[in-house]
Amino acid sequence: MEIKKLRSALFAVALLASGAAHATGNWCSAGKPVHFAGITWESGSFTTEVLRQILEKGYGCKTDLVPGSTAATETALAHNDVQIWAEQWTGRSEITAKAVASGSVKLVGDTLPGGTKEGWFVPDYVVKGDPARGIKASAPGLASVSDLPKYKDVFVDDEEPSKGRFLNCPSGWDCERVNTRLLKVLKLDDSYTNFRPGTGVALDAAIASAYTRGKPILFYYWGPAALMAKYKLTELKMPPFNDACWQTLRNESSTQQCASSYLVSHITVGTSTPFYNAEPDLMSVFNKVKFPMDFLNQTILDMSVKKLDASTMATQFMHSHPEMWKQWVPAEVAAKIQTNLASQ
């Protein structure tokens, strides 16, 4: 009997201790601010602002944005100087990969069902034509990157007319290095120039200009992005994804590359481990956040066309699409968010 009483007493003490540990480890209730990485691209900044509104209006958290380069804010996440990185592309950051391996960062959820899209594209009218615009197909048999040599005259480079032009990413971007190596291993560097625009804005402007004029253009692009919703594009087929080859395309020290399609990244919410441990309820929310690709592309396009910042777009989303975000949070939290939104 005495042993049973002792066990009961010890169990009660353990429960009290675990409850106290959880209470002292709770981030938002302790008044600690939640620092979000200030992601600069549209989909990342939009997702950041949606999560901030959920935390502030539903859970009473104080939040702010920490500006800085991707490398700087990912490093800050690993050191718990930033608590949330709202759009982590898996398999793309050595800094984050090392932080996850060391246990200082957790990746939560899968916010883009099906993952990201990257590849080489041409406007639909290049392959199919566009009768409404009076455009005839200039490359009706173009389906794969292996077809490109016979269509180099369609994508002629004005500065080097004997070759076609491939519109790459700006120099310094990870995709620019991958595409440059792909041109070589696909044996396309003899028939296409590797044109690098100065900025992402210049890349978009070149694509928009060609599309508006109905001219052929061959370029790299990705999704989620506004341009994917704005234009009708055909993605060219590439060799199947091969992880070993993909690593050679990304590795600066690799001397022998081989061809591969782009890695499909899953988009997750990156959190510092102390914050992850302190806020299990929020981790449950992050696990449920989903933005379908078409919806996200259109949302980013609306931001661009209407010249809205991410915070304004997030507020519009919260007002207009409760059917989406209410699936991510408990009913009582949803009611609290709704009440706070109504007061804005």
C-alpha atoms as a PDB file:
ATOM      1  CA  MET A   1       0.000   0.000   0.000  1.00  0.00           C
ATOM      2  CA  GLU A   2       2.814   2.393   0.952  1.00  0.00           C
ATOM      3  CA  ILE A   3       4.569   1.557  -2.327  1.00  0.00           C
ATOM      4  CA  LYS A   4       1.397   2.409  -4.281  1.00  0.00           C
ATOM      5  CA  LYS A   5       1.108   5.733  -2.442  1.00  0.00           C
ATOM      6  CA  LEU A   6       4.758   6.493  -3.174  1.00  0.00           C
ATOM      7  CA  ARG A   7       4.294   5.687  -6.859  1.00  0.00           C
ATOM      8  CA  SER A   8       1.197   7.894  -7.016  1.00  0.00           C
ATOM      9  CA  ALA A   9       3.042  10.749  -5.321  1.00  0.00           C
ATOM     10  CA  LEU A  10       5.997  10.424  -7.691  1.00  0.00           C
ATOM     11  CA  PHE A  11       3.647  10.321 -10.693  1.00  0.00           C
ATOM     12  CA  ALA A  12       1.890  13.487  -9.493  1.00  0.00           C
ATOM     13  CA  VAL A  13       5.233  15.246  -9.054  1.00  0.00           C
ATOM     14  CA  ALA A  14       6.254  14.177 -12.555  1.00  0.00           C
ATOM     15  CA  LEU A  15       3.046  15.562 -14.008  1.00  0.00           C
ATOM     16  CA  LEU A  16       3.513  18.859 -12.195  1.00  0.00           C
ATOM     17  CA  ALA A  17       7.109  19.079 -13.359  1.00  0.00           C
ATOM     18  CA  SER A  18       6.205  18.361 -16.983  1.00  0.00           C
ATOM     19  CA  GLY A  19       3.382  20.913 -16.847  1.00  0.00           C
ATOM     20  CA  ALA A  20       5.685  23.532 -15.369  1.00  0.00           C
ATOM     21  CA  ALA A  21       8.324  22.818 -18.009  1.00  0.00           C
ATOM     22  CA  HIS A  22       5.770  23.233 -20.769  1.00  0.00           C
ATOM     23  CA  ALA A  23       4.474  26.473 -19.254  1.00  0.00           C
ATOM     24  CA  THR A  24       7.929  28.025 -18.923  1.00  0.00           C
ATOM     25  CA  GLY A  25       8.853  26.854 -22.420  1.00  0.00           C
ATOM     26  CA  ASN A  26       5.823  28.420 -24.095  1.00  0.00           C
ATOM     27  CA  TRP A  27       7.071  31.178 -26.371  1.00  0.00           C
ATOM     28  CA  CYS A  28       4.118  33.470 -27.089  1.00  0.00           C
ATOM     29  CA  SER A  29       2.534  33.310 -23.625  1.00  0.00           C
ATOM     30  CA  ALA A  30       5.892  34.342 -22.167  1.00  0.00           C
ATOM     31  CA  GLY A  31       5.731  37.512 -24.294  1.00  0.00           C
ATOM     32  CA  LYS A  32       8.703  36.628 -26.483  1.00  0.00           C
ATOM     33  CA  PRO A  33       8.522  38.087 -30.004  1.00  0.00           C
ATOM     34  CA  VAL A  34       8.480  35.632 -32.890  1.00  0.00           C
ATOM     35  CA  HIS A  35      11.032  36.755 -35.477  1.00  0.00           C
ATOM     36  CA  PHE A  36      10.172  35.859 -39.081  1.00  0.00           C
ATOM     37  CA  ALA A  37      12.786  35.882 -41.843  1.00  0.00           C
ATOM     38  CA  GLY A  38      12.037  38.744 -44.226  1.00  0.00           C
ATOM     39  CA  ILE A  39      11.763  36.686 -47.413  1.00  0.00           C
ATOM     40  CA  THR A  40      11.918  38.926 -50.468  1.00  0.00           C
ATOM     41  CA  TRP A  41      10.236  36.873 -53.226  1.00  0.00           C
ATOM     42  CA  GLU A  42       6.463  37.120 -53.596  1.00  0.00           C
ATOM     43  CA  SER A  43       5.291  33.635 -52.607  1.00  0.00           C
ATOM     44  CA  GLY A  44       7.592  33.581 -49.586  1.00  0.00           C
ATOM     45  CA  SER A  45       6.601  37.056 -48.413  1.00  0.00           C
ATOM     46  CA  PHE A  46       2.891  36.262 -48.866  1.00  0.00           C
ATOM     47  CA  THR A  47       3.138  33.031 -46.863  1.00  0.00           C
ATOM     48  CA  THR A  48       5.140  34.858 -44.187  1.00  0.00           C
ATOM     49  CA  GLU A  49       2.403  37.463 -43.764  1.00  0.00           C
ATOM     50  CA  VAL A  50      -0.384  34.861 -43.633  1.00  0.00           C
ATOM     51  CA  LEU A  51       1.423  32.971 -40.880  1.00  0.00           C
ATOM     52  CA  ARG A  52       2.079  36.203 -39.004  1.00  0.00           C
ATOM     53  CA  GLN A  53      -1.623  37.056 -39.036  1.00  0.00           C
ATOM     54  CA  ILE A  54      -2.568  33.601 -37.766  1.00  0.00           C
ATOM     55  CA  LEU A  55      -0.039  33.844 -34.931  1.00  0.00           C
ATOM     56  CA  GLU A  56      -1.012  37.398 -33.977  1.00  0.00           C
ATOM     57  CA  LYS A  57      -4.803  37.198 -34.368  1.00  0.00           C
ATOM     58  CA  GLY A  58      -5.298  33.603 -33.301  1.00  0.00           C
ATOM     59  CA  TYR A  59      -2.607  32.947 -30.721  1.00  0.00           C
ATOM     60  CA  GLY A  60      -1.739  36.380 -29.352  1.00  0.00           C
ATOM     61  CA  CYS A  61       1.879  36.215 -30.492  1.00  0.00           C
ATOM     62  CA  LYS A  62       4.022  39.275 -31.082  1.00  0.00           C
ATOM     63  CA  THR A  63       5.815  39.030 -34.433  1.00  0.00           C
ATOM     64  CA  ASP A  64       8.250  41.016 -36.538  1.00  0.00           C
ATOM     65  CA  LEU A  65      10.364  40.675 -39.677  1.00  0.00           C
ATOM     66  CA  VAL A  66      14.148  40.300 -39.767  1.00  0.00           C
ATOM     67  CA  PRO A  67      15.562  41.577 -43.082  1.00  0.00           C
ATOM     68  CA  GLY A  68      18.680  40.163 -44.674  1.00  0.00           C
ATOM     69  CA  SER A  69      19.978  37.896 -47.405  1.00  0.00           C
ATOM     70  CA  THR A  70      18.813  34.292 -47.624  1.00  0.00           C
ATOM     71  CA  ALA A  71      22.144  33.063 -46.248  1.00  0.00           C
ATOM     72  CA  ALA A  72      22.080  35.536 -43.363  1.00  0.00           C
ATOM     73  CA  THR A  73      18.523  34.785 -42.253  1.00  0.00           C
ATOM     74  CA  GLU A  74      18.961  31.024 -42.616  1.00  0.00           C
ATOM     75  CA  THR A  75      22.043  31.273 -40.422  1.00  0.00           C
ATOM     76  CA  ALA A  76      20.015  33.340 -37.944  1.00  0.00           C
ATOM     77  CA  LEU A  77      17.362  30.602 -37.928  1.00  0.00           C
ATOM     78  CA  ALA A  78      20.007  28.028 -37.039  1.00  0.00           C
ATOM     79  CA  HIS A  79      21.068  30.230 -34.093  1.00  0.00           C
ATOM     80  CA  ASN A  80      17.482  30.931 -32.961  1.00  0.00           C
ATOM     81  CA  ASP A  81      17.875  34.636 -33.758  1.00  0.00           C
ATOM     82  CA  VAL A  82      15.047  34.013 -36.233  1.00  0.00           C
ATOM     83  CA  GLN A  83      12.278  31.589 -35.285  1.00  0.00           C
ATOM     84  CA  ILE A  84      10.405  31.071 -38.582  1.00  0.00           C
ATOM     85  CA  TRP A  85      11.465  30.832 -42.228  1.00  0.00           C
ATOM     86  CA  ALA A  86       8.093  30.513 -43.973  1.00  0.00           C
ATOM     87  CA  GLU A  87       9.143  29.087 -47.368  1.00  0.00           C
ATOM     88  CA  GLN A  88      12.004  26.623 -47.211  1.00  0.00           C
ATOM     89  CA  TRP A  89      12.695  24.814 -50.501  1.00  0.00           C
ATOM     90  CA  THR A  90      13.983  21.397 -49.439  1.00  0.00           C
ATOM     91  CA  GLY A  91      17.254  20.259 -50.953  1.00  0.00           C
ATOM     92  CA  ARG A  92      18.364  23.774 -51.975  1.00  0.00           C
ATOM     93  CA  SER A  93      20.186  25.181 -48.963  1.00  0.00           C
ATOM     94  CA  GLU A  94      23.377  23.736 -47.521  1.00  0.00           C
ATOM     95  CA  ILE A  95      23.015  26.063 -44.520  1.00  0.00           C
ATOM     96  CA  THR A  96      19.582  24.697 -43.655  1.00  0.00           C
ATOM     97  CA  ALA A  97      20.577  21.100 -44.410  1.00  0.00           C
ATOM     98  CA  LYS A  98      23.463  21.359 -41.927  1.00  0.00           C
ATOM     99  CA  ALA A  99      21.207  23.015 -39.329  1.00  0.00           C
ATOM    100  CA  VAL A 100      18.623  20.241 -39.672  1.00  0.00           C
ATOM    101  CA  ALA A 101      21.344  17.590 -39.393  1.00  0.00           C
ATOM    102  CA  SER A 102      22.730  19.227 -36.254  1.00  0.00           C
ATOM    103  CA  GLY A 103      19.263  19.467 -34.717  1.00  0.00           C
ATOM    104  CA  SER A 104      19.085  23.280 -34.518  1.00  0.00           C
ATOM    105  CA  VAL A 105      16.335  23.621 -37.166  1.00  0.00           C
ATOM    106  CA  LYS A 106      13.136  21.669 -37.842  1.00  0.00           C
ATOM    107  CA  LEU A 107      11.261  21.564 -41.157  1.00  0.00           C
ATOM    108  CA  VAL A 108       7.502  21.380 -40.681  1.00  0.00           C
ATOM    109  CA  GLY A 109       4.651  20.676 -43.096  1.00  0.00           C
ATOM    110  CA  ASP A 110       4.372  20.611 -46.886  1.00  0.00           C
ATOM    111  CA  THR A 111       2.766  23.907 -47.864  1.00  0.00           C
ATOM    112  CA  LEU A 112       2.773  23.397 -51.659  1.00  0.00           C
ATOM    113  CA  PRO A 113       1.061  20.097 -52.611  1.00  0.00           C
ATOM    114  CA  GLY A 114       3.057  18.384 -55.342  1.00  0.00           C
ATOM    115  CA  GLY A 115       6.115  20.544 -54.789  1.00  0.00           C
ATOM    116  CA  THR A 116       7.823  23.202 -56.862  1.00  0.00           C
ATOM    117  CA  LYS A 117       8.153  23.394 -60.644  1.00  0.00           C
ATOM    118  CA  GLU A 118      11.358  24.336 -62.474  1.00  0.00           C
ATOM    119  CA  GLY A 119      12.420  23.829 -66.042  1.00  0.00           C
ATOM    120  CA  TRP A 120      12.844  25.233 -69.537  1.00  0.00           C
ATOM    121  CA  PHE A 121       9.796  26.769 -71.171  1.00  0.00           C
ATOM    122  CA  VAL A 122       8.490  28.295 -74.395  1.00  0.00           C
ATOM    123  CA  PRO A 123       5.183  30.123 -74.901  1.00  0.00           C
ATOM    124  CA  ASP A 124       2.352  27.787 -75.945  1.00  0.00           C
ATOM    125  CA  TYR A 125       1.971  29.606 -79.260  1.00  0.00           C
ATOM    126  CA  VAL A 126       5.479  28.523 -80.300  1.00  0.00           C
ATOM    127  CA  VAL A 127       4.318  24.895 -80.386  1.00  0.00           C
ATOM    128  CA  LYS A 128       0.551  25.219 -80.930  1.00  0.00           C
ATOM    129  CA  GLY A 129       0.116  28.605 -82.542  1.00  0.00           C
ATOM    130  CA  ASP A 130      -2.559  31.078 -81.471  1.00  0.00           C
ATOM    131  CA  PRO A 131      -5.270  31.698 -84.112  1.00  0.00           C
ATOM    132  CA  ALA A 132      -6.886  34.419 -81.988  1.00  0.00           C
ATOM    133  CA  ARG A 133      -3.661  36.437 -82.223  1.00  0.00           C
ATOM    134  CA  GLY A 134      -2.867  35.366 -85.769  1.00  0.00           C
ATOM    135  CA  ILE A 135       0.233  33.474 -84.646  1.00  0.00           C
ATOM    136  CA  LYS A 136       1.300  30.309 -86.471  1.00  0.00           C
ATOM    137  CA  ALA A 137       3.290  27.611 -84.664  1.00  0.00           C
ATOM    138  CA  SER A 138       6.965  28.253 -85.313  1.00  0.00           C
ATOM    139  CA  ALA A 139       8.175  25.000 -83.732  1.00  0.00           C
ATOM    140  CA  PRO A 140       5.238  22.544 -83.970  1.00  0.00           C
ATOM    141  CA  GLY A 141       7.411  19.488 -83.254  1.00  0.00           C
ATOM    142  CA  LEU A 142       9.178  20.935 -80.233  1.00  0.00           C
ATOM    143  CA  ALA A 143       8.547  18.783 -77.159  1.00  0.00           C
ATOM    144  CA  SER A 144      11.909  18.034 -75.590  1.00  0.00           C
ATOM    145  CA  VAL A 145      15.252  19.705 -74.972  1.00  0.00           C
ATOM    146  CA  SER A 146      16.679  17.120 -77.376  1.00  0.00           C
ATOM    147  CA  ASP A 147      14.654  18.782 -80.163  1.00  0.00           C
ATOM    148  CA  LEU A 148      16.217  22.193 -79.618  1.00  0.00           C
ATOM    149  CA  PRO A 149      19.174  21.995 -82.065  1.00  0.00           C
ATOM    150  CA  LYS A 150      16.855  21.764 -85.074  1.00  0.00           C
ATOM    151  CA  TYR A 151      14.905  24.818 -83.885  1.00  0.00           C
ATOM    152  CA  LYS A 152      17.842  27.119 -83.161  1.00  0.00           C
ATOM    153  CA  ASP A 153      16.797  29.442 -86.005  1.00  0.00           C
ATOM    154  CA  VAL A 154      13.388  29.902 -84.355  1.00  0.00           C
ATOM    155  CA  PHE A 155      15.034  31.303 -81.219  1.00  0.00           C
ATOM    156  CA  VAL A 156      17.752  33.175 -83.097  1.00  0.00           C
ATOM    157  CA  ASP A 157      20.129  35.323 -81.046  1.00  0.00           C
ATOM    158  CA  ASP A 158      20.298  38.783 -82.628  1.00  0.00           C
ATOM    159  CA  GLU A 159      23.852  39.238 -81.376  1.00  0.00           C
ATOM    160  CA  GLU A 160      25.017  35.845 -82.665  1.00  0.00           C
ATOM    161  CA  PRO A 161      22.645  34.896 -85.516  1.00  0.00           C
ATOM    162  CA  SER A 162      24.242  31.493 -86.150  1.00  0.00           C
ATOM    163  CA  LYS A 163      22.868  30.341 -82.787  1.00  0.00           C
ATOM    164  CA  GLY A 164      19.627  30.356 -80.892  1.00  0.00           C
ATOM    165  CA  ARG A 165      19.332  32.150 -77.542  1.00  0.00           C
ATOM    166  CA  PHE A 166      18.611  30.483 -74.219  1.00  0.00           C
ATOM    167  CA  LEU A 167      17.466  32.951 -71.564  1.00  0.00           C
ATOM    168  CA  ASN A 168      19.115  31.831 -68.340  1.00  0.00           C
ATOM    169  CA  CYS A 169      18.850  33.139 -64.767  1.00  0.00           C
ATOM    170  CA  PRO A 170      20.928  36.130 -63.683  1.00  0.00           C
ATOM    171  CA  SER A 171      24.564  35.386 -62.836  1.00  0.00           C
ATOM    172  CA  GLY A 172      25.025  34.275 -59.240  1.00  0.00           C
ATOM    173  CA  TRP A 173      21.701  32.487 -58.967  1.00  0.00           C
ATOM    174  CA  ASP A 174      21.888  28.760 -58.254  1.00  0.00           C
ATOM    175  CA  CYS A 175      19.722  28.035 -61.317  1.00  0.00           C
ATOM    176  CA  GLU A 176      22.157  29.948 -63.560  1.00  0.00           C
ATOM    177  CA  ARG A 177      24.961  27.550 -62.671  1.00  0.00           C
ATOM    178  CA  VAL A 178      22.732  24.499 -63.146  1.00  0.00           C
ATOM    179  CA  ASN A 179      21.433  25.724 -66.517  1.00  0.00           C
ATOM    180  CA  THR A 180      24.941  26.555 -67.731  1.00  0.00           C
ATOM    181  CA  ARG A 181      26.048  23.012 -66.990  1.00  0.00           C
ATOM    182  CA  LEU A 182      22.889  21.566 -68.545  1.00  0.00           C
ATOM    183  CA  LEU A 183      23.574  23.431 -71.794  1.00  0.00           C
ATOM    184  CA  LYS A 184      26.966  21.729 -71.891  1.00  0.00           C
ATOM    185  CA  VAL A 185      25.948  18.181 -70.941  1.00  0.00           C
ATOM    186  CA  LEU A 186      22.937  18.318 -73.294  1.00  0.00           C
ATOM    187  CA  LYS A 187      25.369  19.409 -76.049  1.00  0.00           C
ATOM    188  CA  LEU A 188      23.375  22.550 -76.706  1.00  0.00           C
ATOM    189  CA  ASP A 189      26.176  25.071 -76.167  1.00  0.00           C
ATOM    190  CA  ASP A 190      27.191  24.706 -79.838  1.00  0.00           C
ATOM    191  CA  SER A 191      23.740  25.735 -81.054  1.00  0.00           C
ATOM    192  CA  TYR A 192      22.562  28.150 -78.307  1.00  0.00           C
ATOM    193  CA  THR A 193      24.079  31.147 -76.575  1.00  0.00           C
ATOM    194  CA  ASN A 194      23.822  31.269 -72.806  1.00  0.00           C
ATOM    195  CA  PHE A 195      22.224  34.668 -72.201  1.00  0.00           C
ATOM    196  CA  ARG A 196      22.139  35.883 -68.601  1.00  0.00           C
ATOM    197  CA  PRO A 197      19.947  38.892 -67.787  1.00  0.00           C
ATOM    198  CA  GLY A 198      21.245  41.297 -65.159  1.00  0.00           C
ATOM    199  CA  THR A 199      18.389  40.806 -62.682  1.00  0.00           C
ATOM    200  CA  GLY A 200      15.239  38.795 -62.055  1.00  0.00           C
ATOM    201  CA  VAL A 201      13.243  41.858 -63.132  1.00  0.00           C
ATOM    202  CA  ALA A 202      15.136  41.888 -66.440  1.00  0.00           C
ATOM    203  CA  LEU A 203      14.394  38.175 -66.901  1.00  0.00           C
ATOM    204  CA  ASP A 204      10.669  38.799 -66.412  1.00  0.00           C
ATOM    205  CA  ALA A 205      10.753  41.842 -68.699  1.00  0.00           C
ATOM    206  CA  ALA A 206      12.378  39.881 -71.542  1.00  0.00           C
ATOM    207  CA  ILE A 207       9.769  37.125 -71.287  1.00  0.00           C
ATOM    208  CA  ALA A 208       6.896  39.624 -71.086  1.00  0.00           C
ATOM    209  CA  SER A 209       8.177  41.577 -74.072  1.00  0.00           C
ATOM    210  CA  ALA A 210       8.464  38.479 -76.271  1.00  0.00           C
ATOM    211  CA  TYR A 211       5.076  37.141 -75.173  1.00  0.00           C
ATOM    212  CA  THR A 212       3.293  40.446 -75.784  1.00  0.00           C
ATOM    213  CA  ARG A 213       4.750  40.616 -79.301  1.00  0.00           C
ATOM    214  CA  GLY A 214       4.054  36.935 -79.989  1.00  0.00           C
ATOM    215  CA  LYS A 215       7.735  36.193 -80.571  1.00  0.00           C
ATOM    216  CA  PRO A 216       9.490  32.884 -79.858  1.00  0.00           C
ATOM    217  CA  ILE A 217      11.554  32.748 -76.674  1.00  0.00           C
ATOM    218  CA  LEU A 218      13.269  29.899 -74.825  1.00  0.00           C
ATOM    219  CA  PHE A 219      13.852  30.421 -71.118  1.00  0.00           C
ATOM    220  CA  TYR A 220      14.222  28.940 -67.652  1.00  0.00           C
ATOM    221  CA  TYR A 221      11.489  29.588 -65.099  1.00  0.00           C
ATOM    222  CA  TRP A 222       9.961  28.269 -61.906  1.00  0.00           C
ATOM    223  CA  GLY A 223       6.775  28.048 -59.880  1.00  0.00           C
ATOM    224  CA  PRO A 224       5.234  29.292 -57.703  1.00  0.00           C
ATOM    225  CA  ALA A 225       5.501  32.605 -59.555  1.00  0.00           C
ATOM    226  CA  ALA A 226       3.170  35.239 -60.995  1.00  0.00           C
ATOM    227  CA  LEU A 227       4.367  34.686 -64.535  1.00  0.00           C
ATOM    228  CA  MET A 228       3.118  31.085 -64.405  1.00  0.00           C
ATOM    229  CA  ALA A 229      -0.429  32.372 -63.932  1.00  0.00           C
ATOM    230  CA  LYS A 230      -0.091  35.220 -66.419  1.00  0.00           C
ATOM    231  CA  TYR A 231       1.039  33.311 -69.507  1.00  0.00           C
ATOM    232  CA  LYS A 232       0.326  29.974 -71.188  1.00  0.00           C
ATOM    233  CA  LEU A 233       3.607  28.102 -71.319  1.00  0.00           C
ATOM    234  CA  THR A 234       4.861  24.726 -72.541  1.00  0.00           C
ATOM    235  CA  GLU A 235       7.515  22.991 -70.464  1.00  0.00           C
ATOM    236  CA  LEU A 236      10.114  21.093 -72.469  1.00  0.00           C
ATOM    237  CA  LYS A 237      10.756  17.499 -71.485  1.00  0.00           C
ATOM    238  CA  MET A 238      14.145  16.821 -69.931  1.00  0.00           C
ATOM    239  CA  PRO A 239      16.002  13.610 -69.055  1.00  0.00           C
ATOM    240  CA  PRO A 240      14.477  11.936 -65.973  1.00  0.00           C
ATOM    241  CA  PHE A 241      15.507  13.151 -62.549  1.00  0.00           C
ATOM    242  CA  ASN A 242      18.684  11.461 -61.347  1.00  0.00           C
ATOM    243  CA  ASP A 243      19.878  12.442 -57.899  1.00  0.00           C
ATOM    244  CA  ALA A 244      23.547  11.645 -58.559  1.00  0.00           C
ATOM    245  CA  CYS A 245      23.505  13.731 -61.753  1.00  0.00           C
ATOM    246  CA  TRP A 246      21.576  16.513 -60.017  1.00  0.00           C
ATOM    247  CA  GLN A 247      24.318  16.729 -57.397  1.00  0.00           C
ATOM    248  CA  THR A 248      26.984  17.072 -60.109  1.00  0.00           C
ATOM    249  CA  LEU A 249      25.000  19.927 -61.681  1.00  0.00           C
ATOM    250  CA  ARG A 250      24.877  21.817 -58.366  1.00  0.00           C
ATOM    251  CA  ASN A 251      28.334  20.982 -57.012  1.00  0.00           C
ATOM    252  CA  GLU A 252      30.861  23.741 -57.723  1.00  0.00           C
ATOM    253  CA  SER A 253      33.788  21.296 -57.525  1.00  0.00           C
ATOM    254  CA  SER A 254      32.282  18.687 -59.861  1.00  0.00           C
ATOM    255  CA  THR A 255      34.304  18.182 -63.037  1.00  0.00           C
ATOM    256  CA  GLN A 256      32.009  15.616 -64.663  1.00  0.00           C
ATOM    257  CA  GLN A 257      28.342  16.513 -64.921  1.00  0.00           C
ATOM    258  CA  CYS A 258      25.468  14.452 -66.259  1.00  0.00           C
ATOM    259  CA  ALA A 259      21.949  15.476 -67.252  1.00  0.00           C
ATOM    260  CA  SER A 260      18.927  15.475 -64.981  1.00  0.00           C
ATOM    261  CA  SER A 261      15.586  17.216 -64.658  1.00  0.00           C
ATOM    262  CA  TYR A 262      15.278  19.731 -61.869  1.00  0.00           C
ATOM    263  CA  LEU A 263      14.738  18.441 -58.353  1.00  0.00           C
ATOM    264  CA  VAL A 264      11.131  18.848 -57.240  1.00  0.00           C
ATOM    265  CA  SER A 265      11.470  20.630 -53.912  1.00  0.00           C
ATOM    266  CA  HIS A 266       8.887  20.392 -51.170  1.00  0.00           C
ATOM    267  CA  ILE A 267       8.126  23.674 -49.479  1.00  0.00           C
ATOM    268  CA  THR A 268       8.153  23.561 -45.706  1.00  0.00           C
ATOM    269  CA  VAL A 269       8.095  25.977 -42.790  1.00  0.00           C
ATOM    270  CA  GLY A 270      11.529  26.162 -41.197  1.00  0.00           C
ATOM    271  CA  THR A 271      11.540  26.749 -37.443  1.00  0.00           C
ATOM    272  CA  SER A 272      14.297  27.042 -34.881  1.00  0.00           C
ATOM    273  CA  THR A 273      14.303  24.011 -32.603  1.00  0.00           C
ATOM    274  CA  PRO A 274      13.711  26.014 -29.370  1.00  0.00           C
ATOM    275  CA  PHE A 275      10.619  27.568 -30.929  1.00  0.00           C
ATOM    276  CA  TYR A 276       9.509  24.178 -32.293  1.00  0.00           C
ATOM    277  CA  ASN A 277       9.711  22.688 -28.797  1.00  0.00           C
ATOM    278  CA  ALA A 278       7.990  25.656 -27.160  1.00  0.00           C
ATOM    279  CA  GLU A 279       4.966  25.847 -29.481  1.00  0.00           C
ATOM    280  CA  PRO A 280       3.600  22.375 -30.373  1.00  0.00           C
ATOM    281  CA  ASP A 281       0.155  23.826 -31.168  1.00  0.00           C
ATOM    282  CA  LEU A 282       1.664  26.106 -33.802  1.00  0.00           C
ATOM    283  CA  MET A 283       3.612  23.200 -35.272  1.00  0.00           C
ATOM    284  CA  SER A 284       0.271  21.438 -35.716  1.00  0.00           C
ATOM    285  CA  VAL A 285      -0.976  24.481 -37.648  1.00  0.00           C
ATOM    286  CA  PHE A 286       2.131  24.584 -39.864  1.00  0.00           C
ATOM    287  CA  ASN A 287       1.629  20.912 -40.666  1.00  0.00           C
ATOM    288  CA  LYS A 288      -1.796  21.723 -42.114  1.00  0.00           C
ATOM    289  CA  VAL A 289      -1.006  24.861 -44.140  1.00  0.00           C
ATOM    290  CA  LYS A 290      -1.571  24.212 -47.879  1.00  0.00           C
ATOM    291  CA  PHE A 291      -1.570  26.554 -50.874  1.00  0.00           C
ATOM    292  CA  PRO A 292      -2.372  24.844 -54.216  1.00  0.00           C
ATOM    293  CA  MET A 293       0.066  25.865 -56.974  1.00  0.00           C
ATOM    294  CA  ASP A 294      -2.565  27.487 -59.238  1.00  0.00           C
ATOM    295  CA  PHE A 295      -3.993  29.453 -56.312  1.00  0.00           C
ATOM    296  CA  LEU A 296      -0.573  30.660 -55.194  1.00  0.00           C
ATOM    297  CA  ASN A 297       0.467  31.637 -58.728  1.00  0.00           C
ATOM    298  CA  GLN A 298      -2.741  33.641 -59.193  1.00  0.00           C
ATOM    299  CA  THR A 299      -2.359  35.286 -55.785  1.00  0.00           C
ATOM    300  CA  ILE A 300       1.178  36.382 -56.609  1.00  0.00           C
ATOM    301  CA  LEU A 301      -0.013  37.688 -59.974  1.00  0.00           C
ATOM    302  CA  ASP A 302      -2.750  39.710 -58.250  1.00  0.00           C
ATOM    303  CA  MET A 303      -0.126  41.186 -55.927  1.00  0.00           C
ATOM    304  CA  SER A 304       1.928  42.241 -58.930  1.00  0.00           C
ATOM    305  CA  VAL A 305      -0.901  43.604 -61.087  1.00  0.00           C
ATOM    306  CA  LYS A 306      -2.598  45.493 -58.248  1.00  0.00           C
ATOM    307  CA  LYS A 307       0.752  46.561 -56.756  1.00  0.00           C
ATOM    308  CA  LEU A 308      -0.175  45.215 -53.320  1.00  0.00           C
ATOM    309  CA  ASP A 309       2.366  44.444 -50.637  1.00  0.00           C
ATOM    310  CA  ALA A 310       2.407  41.020 -49.025  1.00  0.00           C
ATOM    311  CA  SER A 311       0.746  42.212 -45.811  1.00  0.00           C
ATOM    312  CA  THR A 312      -2.234  43.694 -47.686  1.00  0.00           C
ATOM    313  CA  MET A 313      -2.550  40.575 -49.834  1.00  0.00           C
ATOM    314  CA  ALA A 314      -2.478  38.365 -46.727  1.00  0.00           C
ATOM    315  CA  THR A 315      -5.257  40.420 -45.134  1.00  0.00           C
ATOM    316  CA  GLN A 316      -7.348  40.064 -48.290  1.00  0.00           C
ATOM    317  CA  PHE A 317      -6.708  36.323 -48.239  1.00  0.00           C
ATOM    318  CA  MET A 318      -7.794  36.017 -44.602  1.00  0.00           C
ATOM    319  CA  HIS A 319     -11.044  37.893 -45.354  1.00  0.00           C
ATOM    320  CA  SER A 320     -11.787  36.154 -48.662  1.00  0.00           C
ATOM    321  CA  HIS A 321     -10.754  32.546 -48.047  1.00  0.00           C
ATOM    322  CA  PRO A 322     -11.771  31.429 -44.550  1.00  0.00           C
ATOM    323  CA  GLU A 323     -12.660  28.073 -46.120  1.00  0.00           C
ATOM    324  CA  MET A 324      -8.913  27.511 -46.569  1.00  0.00           C
ATOM    325  CA  TRP A 325      -7.304  28.806 -43.395  1.00  0.00           C
ATOM    326  CA  LYS A 326     -10.046  27.542 -41.057  1.00  0.00           C
ATOM    327  CA  GLN A 327      -8.920  24.018 -41.960  1.00  0.00           C
ATOM    328  CA  TRP A 328      -5.526  24.758 -40.433  1.00  0.00           C
ATOM    329  CA  VAL A 329      -6.552  25.923 -36.949  1.00  0.00           C
ATOM    330  CA  PRO A 330      -8.901  24.685 -34.183  1.00  0.00           C
ATOM    331  CA  ALA A 331     -12.446  26.078 -34.226  1.00  0.00           C
ATOM    332  CA  GLU A 332     -11.918  28.323 -31.193  1.00  0.00           C
ATOM    333  CA  VAL A 333      -8.787  29.832 -32.766  1.00  0.00           C
ATOM    334  CA  ALA A 334     -10.629  30.361 -36.055  1.00  0.00           C
ATOM    335  CA  ALA A 335     -13.376  32.239 -34.189  1.00  0.00           C
ATOM    336  CA  LYS A 336     -10.781  34.428 -32.508  1.00  0.00           C
ATOM    337  CA  ILE A 337      -9.110  35.214 -35.839  1.00  0.00           C
ATOM    338  CA  GLN A 338     -12.483  36.011 -37.400  1.00  0.00           C
ATOM    339  CA  THR A 339     -13.313  38.414 -34.574  1.00  0.00           C
ATOM    340  CA  ASN A 340      -9.967  40.185 -34.882  1.00  0.00           C
ATOM    341  CA  LEU A 341     -10.323  40.435 -38.652  1.00  0.00           C
ATOM    342  CA  ALA A 342     -13.771  42.014 -38.272  1.00  0.00           C
ATOM    343  CA  SER A 343     -12.298  44.779 -36.134  1.00  0.00           C
ATOM    344  CA  GLN A 344      -9.825  45.838 -38.844  1.00  0.00           C
END
